Amino acid sequence: MSVVKLRSGPLRDLAGGCGEHAVAGDSVGDLLRELERLHPAMGGWILDERGRIRRHINVFVNGEHGTEDTPVGAADRVEVLQAISGG
């Protein structure tokens, strides 16, 4: 299982207050879909209706930018962050 770390308070709150989740899957998209299945309140916050990562969400696999198609293994760490904008 890969570890998915939720780096924002609102996402952690939607996931039951926990910031780290061990989730099974072969790709980032698989992990995020499983995370949404385990925590239904997260539904639609990270993935859109097509299963694509929303524009305001950044995902990193072992420190490198990832997409829903990025493969993951059991030792990989996946971080999910909300984009911050300002002016």
PDB file of N, CA and C in Angstrom:
ATOM      1  N   MET A   1       0.836  -1.186   0.000  1.00  0.00           N
ATOM      2  CA  MET A   1       0.000   0.000   0.000  1.00  0.00           C
ATOM      3  C   MET A   1       0.878   1.245   0.000  1.00  0.00           C
ATOM      4  N   SER A   2       0.444   2.231  -0.745  1.00  0.00           N
ATOM      5  CA  SER A   2       1.122   3.523  -0.769  1.00  0.00           C
ATOM      6  C   SER A   2       0.546   4.404   0.335  1.00  0.00           C
ATOM      7  N   VAL A   3       1.312   5.370   0.770  1.00  0.00           N
ATOM      8  CA  VAL A   3       0.842   6.326   1.767  1.00  0.00           C
ATOM      9  C   VAL A   3       0.448   7.613   1.060  1.00  0.00           C
ATOM     10  N   VAL A   4      -0.777   8.047   1.284  1.00  0.00           N
ATOM     11  CA  VAL A   4      -1.273   9.312   0.746  1.00  0.00           C
ATOM     12  C   VAL A   4      -1.324  10.302   1.902  1.00  0.00           C
ATOM     13  N   LYS A   5      -0.623  11.420   1.743  1.00  0.00           N
ATOM     14  CA  LYS A   5      -0.604  12.464   2.762  1.00  0.00           C
ATOM     15  C   LYS A   5      -1.427  13.641   2.272  1.00  0.00           C
ATOM     16  N   LEU A   6      -2.396  14.043   3.068  1.00  0.00           N
ATOM     17  CA  LEU A   6      -3.225  15.200   2.762  1.00  0.00           C
ATOM     18  C   LEU A   6      -2.621  16.392   3.478  1.00  0.00           C
ATOM     19  N   ARG A   7      -2.154  17.386   2.710  1.00  0.00           N
ATOM     20  CA  ARG A   7      -1.388  18.502   3.256  1.00  0.00           C
ATOM     21  C   ARG A   7      -2.212  19.742   3.555  1.00  0.00           C
ATOM     22  N   SER A   8      -3.516  19.670   3.484  1.00  0.00           N
ATOM     23  CA  SER A   8      -4.323  20.840   3.833  1.00  0.00           C
ATOM     24  C   SER A   8      -5.367  20.447   4.863  1.00  0.00           C
ATOM     25  N   GLY A   9      -5.657  21.391   5.746  1.00  0.00           N
ATOM     26  CA  GLY A   9      -6.641  21.148   6.796  1.00  0.00           C
ATOM     27  C   GLY A   9      -8.003  20.743   6.270  1.00  0.00           C
ATOM     28  N   PRO A  10      -8.548  21.459   5.275  1.00  0.00           N
ATOM     29  CA  PRO A  10      -9.867  21.080   4.770  1.00  0.00           C
ATOM     30  C   PRO A  10      -9.916  19.650   4.212  1.00  0.00           C
ATOM     31  N   LEU A  11      -8.870  19.226   3.501  1.00  0.00           N
ATOM     32  CA  LEU A  11      -8.859  17.853   2.979  1.00  0.00           C
ATOM     33  C   LEU A  11      -8.755  16.843   4.112  1.00  0.00           C
ATOM     34  N   ARG A  12      -7.925  17.141   5.111  1.00  0.00           N
ATOM     35  CA  ARG A  12      -7.822  16.249   6.275  1.00  0.00           C
ATOM     36  C   ARG A  12      -9.166  16.137   6.982  1.00  0.00           C
ATOM     37  N   ASP A  13      -9.857  17.254   7.132  1.00  0.00           N
ATOM     38  CA  ASP A  13     -11.166  17.238   7.784  1.00  0.00           C
ATOM     39  C   ASP A  13     -12.139  16.336   7.036  1.00  0.00           C
ATOM     40  N   LEU A  14     -12.128  16.415   5.702  1.00  0.00           N
ATOM     41  CA  LEU A  14     -13.016  15.580   4.888  1.00  0.00           C
ATOM     42  C   LEU A  14     -12.663  14.104   4.994  1.00  0.00           C
ATOM     43  N   ALA A  15     -11.413  13.817   5.361  1.00  0.00           N
ATOM     44  CA  ALA A  15     -10.946  12.434   5.490  1.00  0.00           C
ATOM     45  C   ALA A  15     -10.961  11.981   6.948  1.00  0.00           C
ATOM     46  N   GLY A  16     -11.872  12.526   7.727  1.00  0.00           N
ATOM     47  CA  GLY A  16     -12.019  12.082   9.108  1.00  0.00           C
ATOM     48  C   GLY A  16     -10.969  12.633  10.057  1.00  0.00           C
ATOM     49  N   GLY A  17     -10.280  13.713   9.664  1.00  0.00           N
ATOM     50  CA  GLY A  17      -9.290  14.329  10.530  1.00  0.00           C
ATOM     51  C   GLY A  17      -7.913  13.712  10.459  1.00  0.00           C
ATOM     52  N   CYS A  18      -7.739  12.724   9.612  1.00  0.00           N
ATOM     53  CA  CYS A  18      -6.452  12.037   9.490  1.00  0.00           C
ATOM     54  C   CYS A  18      -5.685  12.564   8.276  1.00  0.00           C
ATOM     55  N   GLY A  19      -4.389  12.837   8.467  1.00  0.00           N
ATOM     56  CA  GLY A  19      -3.577  13.373   7.385  1.00  0.00           C
ATOM     57  C   GLY A  19      -2.833  12.345   6.569  1.00  0.00           C
ATOM     58  N   GLU A  20      -2.707  11.103   7.063  1.00  0.00           N
ATOM     59  CA  GLU A  20      -1.994  10.047   6.334  1.00  0.00           C
ATOM     60  C   GLU A  20      -2.878   8.825   6.195  1.00  0.00           C
ATOM     61  N   HIS A  21      -2.895   8.278   4.982  1.00  0.00           N
ATOM     62  CA  HIS A  21      -3.746   7.126   4.688  1.00  0.00           C
ATOM     63  C   HIS A  21      -2.968   6.100   3.873  1.00  0.00           C
ATOM     64  N   ALA A  22      -2.951   4.856   4.323  1.00  0.00           N
ATOM     65  CA  ALA A  22      -2.379   3.761   3.548  1.00  0.00           C
ATOM     66  C   ALA A  22      -3.475   3.267   2.613  1.00  0.00           C
ATOM     67  N   VAL A  23      -3.218   3.378   1.311  1.00  0.00           N
ATOM     68  CA  VAL A  23      -4.243   3.068   0.312  1.00  0.00           C
ATOM     69  C   VAL A  23      -3.637   2.181  -0.772  1.00  0.00           C
ATOM     70  N   ALA A  24      -4.417   1.216  -1.240  1.00  0.00           N
ATOM     71  CA  ALA A  24      -3.955   0.308  -2.294  1.00  0.00           C
ATOM     72  C   ALA A  24      -4.358   0.845  -3.660  1.00  0.00           C
ATOM     73  N   GLY A  25      -3.468   0.667  -4.633  1.00  0.00           N
ATOM     74  CA  GLY A  25      -3.753   1.050  -6.007  1.00  0.00           C
ATOM     75  C   GLY A  25      -2.483   1.035  -6.833  1.00  0.00           C
ATOM     76  N   ASP A  26      -2.637   0.981  -8.150  1.00  0.00           N
ATOM     77  CA  ASP A  26      -1.492   0.924  -9.058  1.00  0.00           C
ATOM     78  C   ASP A  26      -1.112   2.277  -9.647  1.00  0.00           C
ATOM     79  N   SER A  27      -1.999   3.273  -9.490  1.00  0.00           N
ATOM     80  CA  SER A  27      -1.731   4.608 -10.035  1.00  0.00           C
ATOM     81  C   SER A  27      -2.253   5.645  -9.046  1.00  0.00           C
ATOM     82  N   VAL A  28      -1.856   6.883  -9.248  1.00  0.00           N
ATOM     83  CA  VAL A  28      -2.353   7.971  -8.410  1.00  0.00           C
ATOM     84  C   VAL A  28      -3.874   8.020  -8.473  1.00  0.00           C
ATOM     85  N   GLY A  29      -4.441   7.886  -9.663  1.00  0.00           N
ATOM     86  CA  GLY A  29      -5.898   7.902  -9.810  1.00  0.00           C
ATOM     87  C   GLY A  29      -6.558   6.797  -9.004  1.00  0.00           C
ATOM     88  N   ASP A  30      -5.976   5.596  -9.026  1.00  0.00           N
ATOM     89  CA  ASP A  30      -6.516   4.484  -8.231  1.00  0.00           C
ATOM     90  C   ASP A  30      -6.516   4.831  -6.747  1.00  0.00           C
ATOM     91  N   LEU A  31      -5.402   5.398  -6.273  1.00  0.00           N
ATOM     92  CA  LEU A  31      -5.296   5.746  -4.856  1.00  0.00           C
ATOM     93  C   LEU A  31      -6.341   6.784  -4.470  1.00  0.00           C
ATOM     94  N   LEU A  32      -6.494   7.807  -5.304  1.00  0.00           N
ATOM     95  CA  LEU A  32      -7.434   8.870  -4.978  1.00  0.00           C
ATOM     96  C   LEU A  32      -8.879   8.393  -5.046  1.00  0.00           C
ATOM     97  N   ARG A  33      -9.199   7.538  -5.997  1.00  0.00           N
ATOM     98  CA  ARG A  33     -10.554   6.967  -6.057  1.00  0.00           C
ATOM     99  C   ARG A  33     -10.835   6.115  -4.818  1.00  0.00           C
ATOM    100  N   GLU A  34      -9.848   5.338  -4.387  1.00  0.00           N
ATOM    101  CA  GLU A  34     -10.019   4.512  -3.191  1.00  0.00           C
ATOM    102  C   GLU A  34     -10.163   5.386  -1.948  1.00  0.00           C
ATOM    103  N   LEU A  35      -9.386   6.456  -1.875  1.00  0.00           N
ATOM    104  CA  LEU A  35      -9.498   7.380  -0.749  1.00  0.00           C
ATOM    105  C   LEU A  35     -10.893   7.995  -0.701  1.00  0.00           C
ATOM    106  N   GLU A  36     -11.433   8.375  -1.853  1.00  0.00           N
ATOM    107  CA  GLU A  36     -12.797   8.905  -1.904  1.00  0.00           C
ATOM    108  C   GLU A  36     -13.825   7.843  -1.534  1.00  0.00           C
ATOM    109  N   ARG A  37     -13.571   6.603  -1.899  1.00  0.00           N
ATOM    110  CA  ARG A  37     -14.497   5.525  -1.529  1.00  0.00           C
ATOM    111  C   ARG A  37     -14.499   5.318  -0.011  1.00  0.00           C
ATOM    112  N   LEU A  38     -13.311   5.362   0.581  1.00  0.00           N
ATOM    113  CA  LEU A  38     -13.188   5.169   2.024  1.00  0.00           C
ATOM    114  C   LEU A  38     -13.731   6.358   2.814  1.00  0.00           C
ATOM    115  N   HIS A  39     -13.681   7.544   2.217  1.00  0.00           N
ATOM    116  CA  HIS A  39     -14.132   8.780   2.869  1.00  0.00           C
ATOM    117  C   HIS A  39     -15.065   9.521   1.909  1.00  0.00           C
ATOM    118  N   PRO A  40     -16.329   9.109   1.860  1.00  0.00           N
ATOM    119  CA  PRO A  40     -17.273   9.682   0.891  1.00  0.00           C
ATOM    120  C   PRO A  40     -17.393  11.204   0.934  1.00  0.00           C
ATOM    121  N   ALA A  41     -17.122  11.829   2.070  1.00  0.00           N
ATOM    122  CA  ALA A  41     -17.199  13.289   2.151  1.00  0.00           C
ATOM    123  C   ALA A  41     -16.183  13.949   1.223  1.00  0.00           C
ATOM    124  N   MET A  42     -15.134  13.237   0.842  1.00  0.00           N
ATOM    125  CA  MET A  42     -14.110  13.773  -0.053  1.00  0.00           C
ATOM    126  C   MET A  42     -14.538  13.759  -1.513  1.00  0.00           C
ATOM    127  N   GLY A  43     -15.607  13.041  -1.817  1.00  0.00           N
ATOM    128  CA  GLY A  43     -16.055  12.879  -3.194  1.00  0.00           C
ATOM    129  C   GLY A  43     -16.190  14.204  -3.921  1.00  0.00           C
ATOM    130  N   GLY A  44     -15.472  14.351  -5.037  1.00  0.00           N
ATOM    131  CA  GLY A  44     -15.553  15.545  -5.860  1.00  0.00           C
ATOM    132  C   GLY A  44     -14.600  16.658  -5.461  1.00  0.00           C
ATOM    133  N   TRP A  45     -13.912  16.529  -4.353  1.00  0.00           N
ATOM    134  CA  TRP A  45     -12.991  17.582  -3.913  1.00  0.00           C
ATOM    135  C   TRP A  45     -11.626  17.465  -4.579  1.00  0.00           C
ATOM    136  N   ILE A  46     -11.176  16.236  -4.854  1.00  0.00           N
ATOM    137  CA  ILE A  46      -9.862  16.038  -5.473  1.00  0.00           C
ATOM    138  C   ILE A  46     -10.016  15.655  -6.937  1.00  0.00           C
ATOM    139  N   LEU A  47     -10.913  14.725  -7.219  1.00  0.00           N
ATOM    140  CA  LEU A  47     -11.148  14.267  -8.593  1.00  0.00           C
ATOM    141  C   LEU A  47     -12.455  14.844  -9.111  1.00  0.00           C
ATOM    142  N   ASP A  48     -12.461  15.200 -10.388  1.00  0.00           N
ATOM    143  CA  ASP A  48     -13.697  15.695 -10.986  1.00  0.00           C
ATOM    144  C   ASP A  48     -14.553  14.523 -11.460  1.00  0.00           C
ATOM    145  N   GLU A  49     -15.651  14.835 -12.121  1.00  0.00           N
ATOM    146  CA  GLU A  49     -16.591  13.795 -12.551  1.00  0.00           C
ATOM    147  C   GLU A  49     -16.007  12.849 -13.602  1.00  0.00           C
ATOM    148  N   ARG A  50     -14.898  13.238 -14.235  1.00  0.00           N
ATOM    149  CA  ARG A  50     -14.225  12.372 -15.214  1.00  0.00           C
ATOM    150  C   ARG A  50     -13.093  11.565 -14.600  1.00  0.00           C
ATOM    151  N   GLY A  51     -12.871  11.769 -13.282  1.00  0.00           N
ATOM    152  CA  GLY A  51     -11.788  11.065 -12.613  1.00  0.00           C
ATOM    153  C   GLY A  51     -10.440  11.738 -12.776  1.00  0.00           C
ATOM    154  N   ARG A  52     -10.436  12.988 -13.209  1.00  0.00           N
ATOM    155  CA  ARG A  52      -9.198  13.753 -13.397  1.00  0.00           C
ATOM    156  C   ARG A  52      -8.956  14.618 -12.161  1.00  0.00           C
ATOM    157  N   ILE A  53      -7.700  14.853 -11.845  1.00  0.00           N
ATOM    158  CA  ILE A  53      -7.355  15.696 -10.707  1.00  0.00           C
ATOM    159  C   ILE A  53      -7.792  17.131 -11.011  1.00  0.00           C
ATOM    160  N   ARG A  54      -8.486  17.737 -10.078  1.00  0.00           N
ATOM    161  CA  ARG A  54      -8.968  19.102 -10.270  1.00  0.00           C
ATOM    162  C   ARG A  54      -7.807  20.077 -10.394  1.00  0.00           C
ATOM    163  N   ARG A  55      -8.040  21.184 -11.097  1.00  0.00           N
ATOM    164  CA  ARG A  55      -6.981  22.162 -11.367  1.00  0.00           C
ATOM    165  C   ARG A  55      -6.395  22.779 -10.107  1.00  0.00           C
ATOM    166  N   HIS A  56      -7.185  22.895  -9.061  1.00  0.00           N
ATOM    167  CA  HIS A  56      -6.698  23.534  -7.835  1.00  0.00           C
ATOM    168  C   HIS A  56      -6.010  22.555  -6.879  1.00  0.00           C
ATOM    169  N   ILE A  57      -5.784  21.329  -7.341  1.00  0.00           N
ATOM    170  CA  ILE A  57      -5.122  20.296  -6.534  1.00  0.00           C
ATOM    171  C   ILE A  57      -3.784  19.938  -7.175  1.00  0.00           C
ATOM    172  N   ASN A  58      -2.749  19.846  -6.375  1.00  0.00           N
ATOM    173  CA  ASN A  58      -1.431  19.394  -6.828  1.00  0.00           C
ATOM    174  C   ASN A  58      -1.124  18.066  -6.153  1.00  0.00           C
ATOM    175  N   VAL A  59      -0.602  17.123  -6.931  1.00  0.00           N
ATOM    176  CA  VAL A  59      -0.237  15.814  -6.405  1.00  0.00           C
ATOM    177  C   VAL A  59       1.234  15.562  -6.714  1.00  0.00           C
ATOM    178  N   PHE A  60       1.962  15.099  -5.714  1.00  0.00           N
ATOM    179  CA  PHE A  60       3.373  14.780  -5.859  1.00  0.00           C
ATOM    180  C   PHE A  60       3.614  13.343  -5.433  1.00  0.00           C
ATOM    181  N   VAL A  61       4.403  12.621  -6.223  1.00  0.00           N
ATOM    182  CA  VAL A  61       4.790  11.249  -5.904  1.00  0.00           C
ATOM    183  C   VAL A  61       6.284  11.262  -5.643  1.00  0.00           C
ATOM    184  N   ASN A  62       6.657  10.967  -4.413  1.00  0.00           N
ATOM    185  CA  ASN A  62       8.063  10.998  -4.008  1.00  0.00           C
ATOM    186  C   ASN A  62       8.722  12.331  -4.383  1.00  0.00           C
ATOM    187  N   GLY A  63       7.984  13.421  -4.223  1.00  0.00           N
ATOM    188  CA  GLY A  63       8.519  14.752  -4.481  1.00  0.00           C
ATOM    189  C   GLY A  63       8.410  15.247  -5.908  1.00  0.00           C
ATOM    190  N   GLU A  64       7.949  14.400  -6.831  1.00  0.00           N
ATOM    191  CA  GLU A  64       7.810  14.780  -8.242  1.00  0.00           C
ATOM    192  C   GLU A  64       6.337  14.966  -8.582  1.00  0.00           C
ATOM    193  N   HIS A  65       6.047  15.983  -9.398  1.00  0.00           N
ATOM    194  CA  HIS A  65       4.655  16.229  -9.795  1.00  0.00           C
ATOM    195  C   HIS A  65       4.078  14.984 -10.450  1.00  0.00           C
ATOM    196  N   GLY A  66       2.855  14.618 -10.065  1.00  0.00           N
ATOM    197  CA  GLY A  66       2.204  13.437 -10.628  1.00  0.00           C
ATOM    198  C   GLY A  66       0.840  13.759 -11.199  1.00  0.00           C
ATOM    199  N   THR A  67       0.352  12.861 -12.029  1.00  0.00           N
ATOM    200  CA  THR A  67      -0.992  12.952 -12.589  1.00  0.00           C
ATOM    201  C   THR A  67      -1.752  11.700 -12.171  1.00  0.00           C
ATOM    202  N   GLU A  68      -3.009  11.638 -12.560  1.00  0.00           N
ATOM    203  CA  GLU A  68      -3.791  10.456 -12.197  1.00  0.00           C
ATOM    204  C   GLU A  68      -3.249   9.183 -12.854  1.00  0.00           C
ATOM    205  N   ASP A  69      -2.448   9.313 -13.908  1.00  0.00           N
ATOM    206  CA  ASP A  69      -1.883   8.147 -14.593  1.00  0.00           C
ATOM    207  C   ASP A  69      -0.512   7.728 -14.054  1.00  0.00           C
ATOM    208  N   THR A  70       0.049   8.497 -13.129  1.00  0.00           N
ATOM    209  CA  THR A  70       1.374   8.179 -12.587  1.00  0.00           C
ATOM    210  C   THR A  70       1.318   6.868 -11.819  1.00  0.00           C
ATOM    211  N   PRO A  71       2.176   5.895 -12.180  1.00  0.00           N
ATOM    212  CA  PRO A  71       2.181   4.622 -11.447  1.00  0.00           C
ATOM    213  C   PRO A  71       2.761   4.800 -10.047  1.00  0.00           C
ATOM    214  N   VAL A  72       2.259   4.002  -9.112  1.00  0.00           N
ATOM    215  CA  VAL A  72       2.758   4.021  -7.743  1.00  0.00           C
ATOM    216  C   VAL A  72       2.994   2.597  -7.260  1.00  0.00           C
ATOM    217  N   GLY A  73       3.919   2.479  -6.335  1.00  0.00           N
ATOM    218  CA  GLY A  73       4.211   1.196  -5.709  1.00  0.00           C
ATOM    219  C   GLY A  73       4.017   1.302  -4.208  1.00  0.00           C
ATOM    220  N   ALA A  74       4.199   0.191  -3.535  1.00  0.00           N
ATOM    221  CA  ALA A  74       3.943   0.115  -2.097  1.00  0.00           C
ATOM    222  C   ALA A  74       4.817   1.064  -1.285  1.00  0.00           C
ATOM    223  N   ALA A  75       6.012   1.356  -1.732  1.00  0.00           N
ATOM    224  CA  ALA A  75       6.926   2.209  -0.965  1.00  0.00           C
ATOM    225  C   ALA A  75       6.773   3.688  -1.293  1.00  0.00           C
ATOM    226  N   ASP A  76       5.900   4.036  -2.230  1.00  0.00           N
ATOM    227  CA  ASP A  76       5.769   5.427  -2.663  1.00  0.00           C
ATOM    228  C   ASP A  76       4.950   6.261  -1.680  1.00  0.00           C
ATOM    229  N   ARG A  77       5.327   7.545  -1.590  1.00  0.00           N
ATOM    230  CA  ARG A  77       4.598   8.511  -0.779  1.00  0.00           C
ATOM    231  C   ARG A  77       3.955   9.521  -1.730  1.00  0.00           C
ATOM    232  N   VAL A  78       2.671   9.683  -1.579  1.00  0.00           N
ATOM    233  CA  VAL A  78       1.900  10.579  -2.438  1.00  0.00           C
ATOM    234  C   VAL A  78       1.379  11.722  -1.559  1.00  0.00           C
ATOM    235  N   GLU A  79       1.670  12.955  -1.975  1.00  0.00           N
ATOM    236  CA  GLU A  79       1.213  14.125  -1.238  1.00  0.00           C
ATOM    237  C   GLU A  79       0.182  14.878  -2.069  1.00  0.00           C
ATOM    238  N   VAL A  80      -0.907  15.260  -1.424  1.00  0.00           N
ATOM    239  CA  VAL A  80      -1.989  15.984  -2.074  1.00  0.00           C
ATOM    240  C   VAL A  80      -2.092  17.348  -1.408  1.00  0.00           C
ATOM    241  N   LEU A  81      -1.965  18.405  -2.211  1.00  0.00           N
ATOM    242  CA  LEU A  81      -2.010  19.775  -1.704  1.00  0.00           C
ATOM    243  C   LEU A  81      -3.011  20.589  -2.502  1.00  0.00           C
ATOM    244  N   GLN A  82      -3.668  21.506  -1.831  1.00  0.00           N
ATOM    245  CA  GLN A  82      -4.515  22.448  -2.536  1.00  0.00           C
ATOM    246  C   GLN A  82      -3.615  23.575  -3.023  1.00  0.00           C
ATOM    247  N   ALA A  83      -3.830  24.016  -4.258  1.00  0.00           N
ATOM    248  CA  ALA A  83      -3.058  25.132  -4.807  1.00  0.00           C
ATOM    249  C   ALA A  83      -3.453  26.399  -4.047  1.00  0.00           C
ATOM    250  N   ILE A  84      -2.469  27.243  -3.858  1.00  0.00           N
ATOM    251  CA  ILE A  84      -2.695  28.512  -3.183  1.00  0.00           C
ATOM    252  C   ILE A  84      -2.455  29.624  -4.182  1.00  0.00           C
ATOM    253  N   SER A  85      -3.393  30.527  -4.257  1.00  0.00           N
ATOM    254  CA  SER A  85      -3.214  31.652  -5.166  1.00  0.00           C
ATOM    255  C   SER A  85      -3.454  32.943  -4.408  1.00  0.00           C
ATOM    256  N   GLY A  86      -2.986  33.974  -4.956  1.00  0.00           N
ATOM    257  CA  GLY A  86      -3.170  35.268  -4.320  1.00  0.00           C
ATOM    258  C   GLY A  86      -2.686  36.371  -5.254  1.00  0.00           C
ATOM    259  N   GLY A  87      -2.781  37.547  -4.783  1.00  0.00           N
ATOM    260  CA  GLY A  87      -2.353  38.620  -5.650  1.00  0.00           C
ATOM    261  C   GLY A  87      -1.955  39.839  -4.899  1.00  0.00           C
TER     262      GLY A  87
END
